[in-house]
């Protein structure tokens, strides 16, 4: 793997009220957690509301992914996290 140029973009699940409605229409029996009360409300660049994981969960997820990538694909660099 010498000279390998490998990067990763790590994107967590987030949803807007509109995307939640679409997803539930497409996948009515989904077990994907989309409870606004258990998420943090965040405003996007243009004022749109989206629901993201709480900070503690985000920290836990990022730590896990970065550790696992380093162990399994050491040449991989994380370029983006959200």
PDB file of N, CA and C in Angstrom:
ATOM      1  N   UNK A   1       0.800  -1.193   0.000  1.00  0.00           N
ATOM      2  CA  UNK A   1       0.000   0.000   0.000  1.00  0.00           C
ATOM      3  C   UNK A   1       0.850   1.268   0.000  1.00  0.00           C
ATOM      4  N   UNK A   2       2.102   1.154  -0.317  1.00  0.00           N
ATOM      5  CA  UNK A   2       2.965   2.329  -0.356  1.00  0.00           C
ATOM      6  C   UNK A   2       2.449   3.311  -1.397  1.00  0.00           C
ATOM      7  N   UNK A   3       2.424   4.581  -1.030  1.00  0.00           N
ATOM      8  CA  UNK A   3       1.970   5.610  -1.946  1.00  0.00           C
ATOM      9  C   UNK A   3       0.465   5.699  -2.105  1.00  0.00           C
ATOM     10  N   UNK A   4      -0.271   4.953  -1.301  1.00  0.00           N
ATOM     11  CA  UNK A   4      -1.725   4.961  -1.383  1.00  0.00           C
ATOM     12  C   UNK A   4      -2.267   6.326  -0.961  1.00  0.00           C
ATOM     13  N   UNK A   5      -3.104   6.902  -1.802  1.00  0.00           N
ATOM     14  CA  UNK A   5      -3.739   8.179  -1.485  1.00  0.00           C
ATOM     15  C   UNK A   5      -5.213   7.903  -1.244  1.00  0.00           C
ATOM     16  N   UNK A   6      -5.549   7.619  -0.008  1.00  0.00           N
ATOM     17  CA  UNK A   6      -6.902   7.222   0.350  1.00  0.00           C
ATOM     18  C   UNK A   6      -7.441   8.174   1.405  1.00  0.00           C
ATOM     19  N   UNK A   7      -8.629   8.704   1.149  1.00  0.00           N
ATOM     20  CA  UNK A   7      -9.262   9.591   2.111  1.00  0.00           C
ATOM     21  C   UNK A   7     -10.677   9.097   2.398  1.00  0.00           C
ATOM     22  N   UNK A   8     -11.224   9.545   3.514  1.00  0.00           N
ATOM     23  CA  UNK A   8     -12.582   9.171   3.892  1.00  0.00           C
ATOM     24  C   UNK A   8     -13.357  10.429   4.276  1.00  0.00           C
ATOM     25  N   UNK A   9     -14.624  10.423   3.934  1.00  0.00           N
ATOM     26  CA  UNK A   9     -15.551  11.444   4.390  1.00  0.00           C
ATOM     27  C   UNK A   9     -16.564  10.735   5.265  1.00  0.00           C
ATOM     28  N   UNK A  10     -16.664  11.140   6.506  1.00  0.00           N
ATOM     29  CA  UNK A  10     -17.547  10.485   7.472  1.00  0.00           C
ATOM     30  C   UNK A  10     -18.738  11.387   7.749  1.00  0.00           C
ATOM     31  N   UNK A  11     -19.908  10.912   7.371  1.00  0.00           N
ATOM     32  CA  UNK A  11     -21.117  11.718   7.473  1.00  0.00           C
ATOM     33  C   UNK A  11     -22.147  10.945   8.285  1.00  0.00           C
ATOM     34  N   UNK A  12     -22.588  11.539   9.383  1.00  0.00           N
ATOM     35  CA  UNK A  12     -23.570  10.890  10.242  1.00  0.00           C
ATOM     36  C   UNK A  12     -24.977  11.147   9.723  1.00  0.00           C
ATOM     37  N   UNK A  13     -25.912  10.351  10.187  1.00  0.00           N
ATOM     38  CA  UNK A  13     -27.299  10.526   9.766  1.00  0.00           C
ATOM     39  C   UNK A  13     -27.872  11.798  10.363  1.00  0.00           C
ATOM     40  N   UNK A  14     -28.507  12.557   9.536  1.00  0.00           N
ATOM     41  CA  UNK A  14     -29.215  13.758   9.948  1.00  0.00           C
ATOM     42  C   UNK A  14     -30.475  13.835   9.116  1.00  0.00           C
ATOM     43  N   UNK A  15     -31.446  14.577   9.579  1.00  0.00           N
ATOM     44  CA  UNK A  15     -32.672  14.681   8.795  1.00  0.00           C
ATOM     45  C   UNK A  15     -33.342  16.026   9.030  1.00  0.00           C
ATOM     46  N   UNK A  16     -34.133  16.418   8.062  1.00  0.00           N
ATOM     47  CA  UNK A  16     -34.971  17.606   8.161  1.00  0.00           C
ATOM     48  C   UNK A  16     -36.404  17.105   8.307  1.00  0.00           C
ATOM     49  N   UNK A  17     -37.333  17.956   8.705  1.00  0.00           N
ATOM     50  CA  UNK A  17     -38.728  17.501   8.772  1.00  0.00           C
ATOM     51  C   UNK A  17     -39.211  16.948   7.429  1.00  0.00           C
ATOM     52  N   UNK A  18     -38.819  17.583   6.334  1.00  0.00           N
ATOM     53  CA  UNK A  18     -39.229  17.108   5.010  1.00  0.00           C
ATOM     54  C   UNK A  18     -38.603  15.779   4.635  1.00  0.00           C
ATOM     55  N   UNK A  19     -37.315  15.618   4.909  1.00  0.00           N
ATOM     56  CA  UNK A  19     -36.665  14.353   4.557  1.00  0.00           C
ATOM     57  C   UNK A  19     -37.176  13.211   5.424  1.00  0.00           C
ATOM     58  N   UNK A  20     -37.527  13.515   6.661  1.00  0.00           N
ATOM     59  CA  UNK A  20     -38.093  12.483   7.529  1.00  0.00           C
ATOM     60  C   UNK A  20     -39.399  11.965   6.933  1.00  0.00           C
ATOM     61  N   UNK A  21     -40.241  12.882   6.486  1.00  0.00           N
ATOM     62  CA  UNK A  21     -41.522  12.501   5.893  1.00  0.00           C
ATOM     63  C   UNK A  21     -41.311  11.631   4.654  1.00  0.00           C
ATOM     64  N   UNK A  22     -40.372  12.010   3.804  1.00  0.00           N
ATOM     65  CA  UNK A  22     -40.072  11.230   2.594  1.00  0.00           C
ATOM     66  C   UNK A  22     -39.566   9.843   2.968  1.00  0.00           C
ATOM     67  N   UNK A  23     -38.606   9.780   3.889  1.00  0.00           N
ATOM     68  CA  UNK A  23     -38.043   8.486   4.290  1.00  0.00           C
ATOM     69  C   UNK A  23     -39.095   7.564   4.886  1.00  0.00           C
ATOM     70  N   UNK A  24     -39.964   8.106   5.721  1.00  0.00           N
ATOM     71  CA  UNK A  24     -41.017   7.282   6.321  1.00  0.00           C
ATOM     72  C   UNK A  24     -42.025   6.827   5.266  1.00  0.00           C
ATOM     73  N   UNK A  25     -42.219   7.619   4.229  1.00  0.00           N
ATOM     74  CA  UNK A  25     -43.080   7.201   3.127  1.00  0.00           C
ATOM     75  C   UNK A  25     -42.467   6.082   2.311  1.00  0.00           C
ATOM     76  N   UNK A  26     -41.170   6.165   2.072  1.00  0.00           N
ATOM     77  CA  UNK A  26     -40.467   5.129   1.307  1.00  0.00           C
ATOM     78  C   UNK A  26     -40.247   3.866   2.124  1.00  0.00           C
ATOM     79  N   UNK A  27     -39.939   4.036   3.396  1.00  0.00           N
ATOM     80  CA  UNK A  27     -39.584   2.914   4.275  1.00  0.00           C
ATOM     81  C   UNK A  27     -40.439   2.967   5.537  1.00  0.00           C
ATOM     82  N   UNK A  28     -41.728   2.662   5.447  1.00  0.00           N
ATOM     83  CA  UNK A  28     -42.632   2.838   6.596  1.00  0.00           C
ATOM     84  C   UNK A  28     -42.274   1.986   7.814  1.00  0.00           C
ATOM     85  N   UNK A  29     -41.558   0.896   7.615  1.00  0.00           N
ATOM     86  CA  UNK A  29     -41.195   0.041   8.764  1.00  0.00           C
ATOM     87  C   UNK A  29     -39.741   0.203   9.184  1.00  0.00           C
ATOM     88  N   UNK A  30     -39.137   1.320   8.808  1.00  0.00           N
ATOM     89  CA  UNK A  30     -37.736   1.542   9.155  1.00  0.00           C
ATOM     90  C   UNK A  30     -37.538   1.556  10.666  1.00  0.00           C
ATOM     91  N   UNK A  31     -36.375   1.124  11.088  1.00  0.00           N
ATOM     92  CA  UNK A  31     -36.005   1.224  12.502  1.00  0.00           C
ATOM     93  C   UNK A  31     -34.975   2.325  12.712  1.00  0.00           C
ATOM     94  N   UNK A  32     -34.733   3.077  11.654  1.00  0.00           N
ATOM     95  CA  UNK A  32     -33.815   4.205  11.748  1.00  0.00           C
ATOM     96  C   UNK A  32     -34.394   5.235  12.714  1.00  0.00           C
ATOM     97  N   UNK A  33     -33.622   5.601  13.713  1.00  0.00           N
ATOM     98  CA  UNK A  33     -34.091   6.520  14.750  1.00  0.00           C
ATOM     99  C   UNK A  33     -34.206   7.928  14.171  1.00  0.00           C
ATOM    100  N   UNK A  34     -35.415   8.486  14.205  1.00  0.00           N
ATOM    101  CA  UNK A  34     -35.644   9.846  13.721  1.00  0.00           C
ATOM    102  C   UNK A  34     -36.547  10.616  14.690  1.00  0.00           C
ATOM    103  N   UNK A  35     -36.204  10.516  15.963  1.00  0.00           N
ATOM    104  CA  UNK A  35     -36.965  11.194  17.011  1.00  0.00           C
ATOM    105  C   UNK A  35     -36.329  12.559  17.271  1.00  0.00           C
ATOM    106  N   UNK A  36     -37.062  13.618  16.964  1.00  0.00           N
ATOM    107  CA  UNK A  36     -36.536  14.971  17.143  1.00  0.00           C
ATOM    108  C   UNK A  36     -36.123  15.244  18.584  1.00  0.00           C
ATOM    109  N   UNK A  37     -36.807  14.642  19.537  1.00  0.00           N
ATOM    110  CA  UNK A  37     -36.511  14.880  20.953  1.00  0.00           C
ATOM    111  C   UNK A  37     -35.146  14.319  21.374  1.00  0.00           C
ATOM    112  N   UNK A  38     -34.669  13.296  20.678  1.00  0.00           N
ATOM    113  CA  UNK A  38     -33.379  12.709  21.052  1.00  0.00           C
ATOM    114  C   UNK A  38     -32.230  13.279  20.216  1.00  0.00           C
ATOM    115  N   UNK A  39     -32.534  14.228  19.369  1.00  0.00           N
ATOM    116  CA  UNK A  39     -31.526  14.850  18.515  1.00  0.00           C
ATOM    117  C   UNK A  39     -31.321  16.304  18.911  1.00  0.00           C
ATOM    118  N   UNK A  40     -30.277  16.869  18.374  1.00  0.00           N
ATOM    119  CA  UNK A  40     -29.988  18.284  18.570  1.00  0.00           C
ATOM    120  C   UNK A  40     -30.481  19.037  17.331  1.00  0.00           C
ATOM    121  N   UNK A  41     -31.180  20.100  17.564  1.00  0.00           N
ATOM    122  CA  UNK A  41     -31.716  20.921  16.464  1.00  0.00           C
ATOM    123  C   UNK A  41     -30.608  21.867  16.006  1.00  0.00           C
ATOM    124  N   UNK A  42     -30.363  21.879  14.705  1.00  0.00           N
ATOM    125  CA  UNK A  42     -29.296  22.706  14.161  1.00  0.00           C
ATOM    126  C   UNK A  42     -29.839  23.449  12.944  1.00  0.00           C
ATOM    127  N   UNK A  43     -29.336  24.649  12.743  1.00  0.00           N
ATOM    128  CA  UNK A  43     -29.757  25.435  11.584  1.00  0.00           C
ATOM    129  C   UNK A  43     -28.659  25.380  10.529  1.00  0.00           C
ATOM    130  N   UNK A  44     -29.045  25.084   9.307  1.00  0.00           N
ATOM    131  CA  UNK A  44     -28.101  25.019   8.204  1.00  0.00           C
ATOM    132  C   UNK A  44     -27.692  26.401   7.739  1.00  0.00           C
ATOM    133  N   UNK A  45     -26.855  26.432   6.751  1.00  0.00           N
ATOM    134  CA  UNK A  45     -26.295  27.669   6.231  1.00  0.00           C
ATOM    135  C   UNK A  45     -27.379  28.655   5.789  1.00  0.00           C
ATOM    136  N   UNK A  46     -28.472  28.144   5.248  1.00  0.00           N
ATOM    137  CA  UNK A  46     -29.536  29.013   4.748  1.00  0.00           C
ATOM    138  C   UNK A  46     -30.756  29.020   5.665  1.00  0.00           C
ATOM    139  N   UNK A  47     -30.565  28.638   6.938  1.00  0.00           N
ATOM    140  CA  UNK A  47     -31.626  28.715   7.926  1.00  0.00           C
ATOM    141  C   UNK A  47     -32.501  27.488   8.048  1.00  0.00           C
ATOM    142  N   UNK A  48     -32.278  26.485   7.215  1.00  0.00           N
ATOM    143  CA  UNK A  48     -33.089  25.273   7.294  1.00  0.00           C
ATOM    144  C   UNK A  48     -32.781  24.520   8.587  1.00  0.00           C
ATOM    145  N   UNK A  49     -33.805  23.933   9.177  1.00  0.00           N
ATOM    146  CA  UNK A  49     -33.641  23.165  10.412  1.00  0.00           C
ATOM    147  C   UNK A  49     -33.304  21.728  10.067  1.00  0.00           C
ATOM    148  N   UNK A  50     -32.310  21.185  10.756  1.00  0.00           N
ATOM    149  CA  UNK A  50     -32.005  19.765  10.625  1.00  0.00           C
ATOM    150  C   UNK A  50     -31.739  19.211  12.008  1.00  0.00           C
ATOM    151  N   UNK A  51     -31.937  17.926  12.130  1.00  0.00           N
ATOM    152  CA  UNK A  51     -31.749  17.248  13.415  1.00  0.00           C
ATOM    153  C   UNK A  51     -30.528  16.346  13.311  1.00  0.00           C
ATOM    154  N   UNK A  52     -29.581  16.567  14.210  1.00  0.00           N
ATOM    155  CA  UNK A  52     -28.320  15.836  14.222  1.00  0.00           C
ATOM    156  C   UNK A  52     -28.173  15.138  15.570  1.00  0.00           C
ATOM    157  N   UNK A  53     -27.207  14.229  15.649  1.00  0.00           N
ATOM    158  CA  UNK A  53     -26.961  13.556  16.924  1.00  0.00           C
ATOM    159  C   UNK A  53     -26.442  14.553  17.956  1.00  0.00           C
ATOM    160  N   UNK A  54     -26.695  14.303  19.233  1.00  0.00           N
ATOM    161  CA  UNK A  54     -26.140  15.167  20.295  1.00  0.00           C
ATOM    162  C   UNK A  54     -24.606  15.130  20.273  1.00  0.00           C
ATOM    163  N   UNK A  55     -23.991  16.156  20.832  1.00  0.00           N
ATOM    164  CA  UNK A  55     -22.524  16.268  20.826  1.00  0.00           C
ATOM    165  C   UNK A  55     -21.833  15.020  21.382  1.00  0.00           C
ATOM    166  N   UNK A  56     -22.354  14.483  22.476  1.00  0.00           N
ATOM    167  CA  UNK A  56     -21.725  13.309  23.098  1.00  0.00           C
ATOM    168  C   UNK A  56     -21.715  12.124  22.125  1.00  0.00           C
ATOM    169  N   UNK A  57     -22.818  11.925  21.437  1.00  0.00           N
ATOM    170  CA  UNK A  57     -22.913  10.830  20.464  1.00  0.00           C
ATOM    171  C   UNK A  57     -21.961  11.082  19.300  1.00  0.00           C
ATOM    172  N   UNK A  58     -21.893  12.326  18.842  1.00  0.00           N
ATOM    173  CA  UNK A  58     -20.985  12.658  17.741  1.00  0.00           C
ATOM    174  C   UNK A  58     -19.535  12.393  18.124  1.00  0.00           C
ATOM    175  N   UNK A  59     -19.168  12.745  19.347  1.00  0.00           N
ATOM    176  CA  UNK A  59     -17.805  12.501  19.812  1.00  0.00           C
ATOM    177  C   UNK A  59     -17.518  11.008  19.860  1.00  0.00           C
ATOM    178  N   UNK A  60     -18.460  10.242  20.375  1.00  0.00           N
ATOM    179  CA  UNK A  60     -18.298   8.794  20.456  1.00  0.00           C
ATOM    180  C   UNK A  60     -18.160   8.181  19.061  1.00  0.00           C
ATOM    181  N   UNK A  61     -19.002   8.595  18.136  1.00  0.00           N
ATOM    182  CA  UNK A  61     -18.945   8.073  16.773  1.00  0.00           C
ATOM    183  C   UNK A  61     -17.625   8.426  16.094  1.00  0.00           C
ATOM    184  N   UNK A  62     -17.230   9.681  16.212  1.00  0.00           N
ATOM    185  CA  UNK A  62     -15.988  10.108  15.561  1.00  0.00           C
ATOM    186  C   UNK A  62     -14.788   9.350  16.111  1.00  0.00           C
ATOM    187  N   UNK A  63     -14.732   9.209  17.425  1.00  0.00           N
ATOM    188  CA  UNK A  63     -13.634   8.479  18.060  1.00  0.00           C
ATOM    189  C   UNK A  63     -13.585   7.047  17.544  1.00  0.00           C
ATOM    190  N   UNK A  64     -14.732   6.393  17.486  1.00  0.00           N
ATOM    191  CA  UNK A  64     -14.781   5.001  17.024  1.00  0.00           C
ATOM    192  C   UNK A  64     -14.326   4.888  15.572  1.00  0.00           C
ATOM    193  N   UNK A  65     -14.878   5.717  14.693  1.00  0.00           N
ATOM    194  CA  UNK A  65     -14.522   5.627  13.277  1.00  0.00           C
ATOM    195  C   UNK A  65     -13.051   5.932  13.036  1.00  0.00           C
ATOM    196  N   UNK A  66     -12.532   6.962  13.678  1.00  0.00           N
ATOM    197  CA  UNK A  66     -11.124   7.298  13.485  1.00  0.00           C
ATOM    198  C   UNK A  66     -10.210   6.194  14.001  1.00  0.00           C
ATOM    199  N   UNK A  67     -10.568   5.596  15.142  1.00  0.00           N
ATOM    200  CA  UNK A  67      -9.765   4.497  15.690  1.00  0.00           C
ATOM    201  C   UNK A  67      -9.793   3.296  14.756  1.00  0.00           C
ATOM    202  N   UNK A  68     -10.977   2.927  14.279  1.00  0.00           N
ATOM    203  CA  UNK A  68     -11.115   1.757  13.416  1.00  0.00           C
ATOM    204  C   UNK A  68     -10.446   1.962  12.064  1.00  0.00           C
ATOM    205  N   UNK A  69     -10.569   3.139  11.499  1.00  0.00           N
ATOM    206  CA  UNK A  69      -9.884   3.414  10.234  1.00  0.00           C
ATOM    207  C   UNK A  69      -8.372   3.333  10.413  1.00  0.00           C
ATOM    208  N   UNK A  70      -7.849   3.908  11.490  1.00  0.00           N
ATOM    209  CA  UNK A  70      -6.407   3.871  11.746  1.00  0.00           C
ATOM    210  C   UNK A  70      -5.917   2.432  11.908  1.00  0.00           C
ATOM    211  N   UNK A  71      -6.728   1.595  12.542  1.00  0.00           N
ATOM    212  CA  UNK A  71      -6.327   0.198  12.767  1.00  0.00           C
ATOM    213  C   UNK A  71      -6.432  -0.636  11.490  1.00  0.00           C
ATOM    214  N   UNK A  72      -7.449  -0.380  10.684  1.00  0.00           N
ATOM    215  CA  UNK A  72      -7.707  -1.224   9.515  1.00  0.00           C
ATOM    216  C   UNK A  72      -7.115  -0.687   8.217  1.00  0.00           C
ATOM    217  N   UNK A  73      -7.065   0.631   8.099  1.00  0.00           N
ATOM    218  CA  UNK A  73      -6.547   1.255   6.879  1.00  0.00           C
ATOM    219  C   UNK A  73      -5.668   2.438   7.304  1.00  0.00           C
ATOM    220  N   UNK A  74      -4.480   2.151   7.811  1.00  0.00           N
ATOM    221  CA  UNK A  74      -3.651   3.205   8.403  1.00  0.00           C
ATOM    222  C   UNK A  74      -3.305   4.348   7.440  1.00  0.00           C
ATOM    223  N   UNK A  75      -3.276   4.088   6.150  1.00  0.00           N
ATOM    224  CA  UNK A  75      -2.933   5.139   5.192  1.00  0.00           C
ATOM    225  C   UNK A  75      -4.094   6.097   4.926  1.00  0.00           C
ATOM    226  N   UNK A  76      -5.259   5.776   5.411  1.00  0.00           N
ATOM    227  CA  UNK A  76      -6.453   6.584   5.145  1.00  0.00           C
ATOM    228  C   UNK A  76      -6.464   7.828   6.023  1.00  0.00           C
ATOM    229  N   UNK A  77      -6.748   8.961   5.386  1.00  0.00           N
ATOM    230  CA  UNK A  77      -6.881  10.222   6.115  1.00  0.00           C
ATOM    231  C   UNK A  77      -8.346  10.641   6.109  1.00  0.00           C
ATOM    232  N   UNK A  78      -8.841  11.092   7.250  1.00  0.00           N
ATOM    233  CA  UNK A  78     -10.208  11.599   7.324  1.00  0.00           C
ATOM    234  C   UNK A  78     -10.178  13.049   6.854  1.00  0.00           C
ATOM    235  N   UNK A  79     -10.895  13.317   5.776  1.00  0.00           N
ATOM    236  CA  UNK A  79     -10.917  14.657   5.195  1.00  0.00           C
ATOM    237  C   UNK A  79     -12.122  15.464   5.648  1.00  0.00           C
ATOM    238  N   UNK A  80     -13.163  14.777   6.084  1.00  0.00           N
ATOM    239  CA  UNK A  80     -14.406  15.485   6.381  1.00  0.00           C
ATOM    240  C   UNK A  80     -15.165  14.722   7.427  1.00  0.00           C
ATOM    241  N   UNK A  81     -15.697  15.430   8.397  1.00  0.00           N
ATOM    242  CA  UNK A  81     -16.523  14.813   9.436  1.00  0.00           C
ATOM    243  C   UNK A  81     -17.708  15.735   9.693  1.00  0.00           C
ATOM    244  N   UNK A  82     -18.878  15.165   9.682  1.00  0.00           N
ATOM    245  CA  UNK A  82     -20.060  15.929  10.026  1.00  0.00           C
ATOM    246  C   UNK A  82     -21.146  15.011  10.549  1.00  0.00           C
TER     247      UNK A  82
END
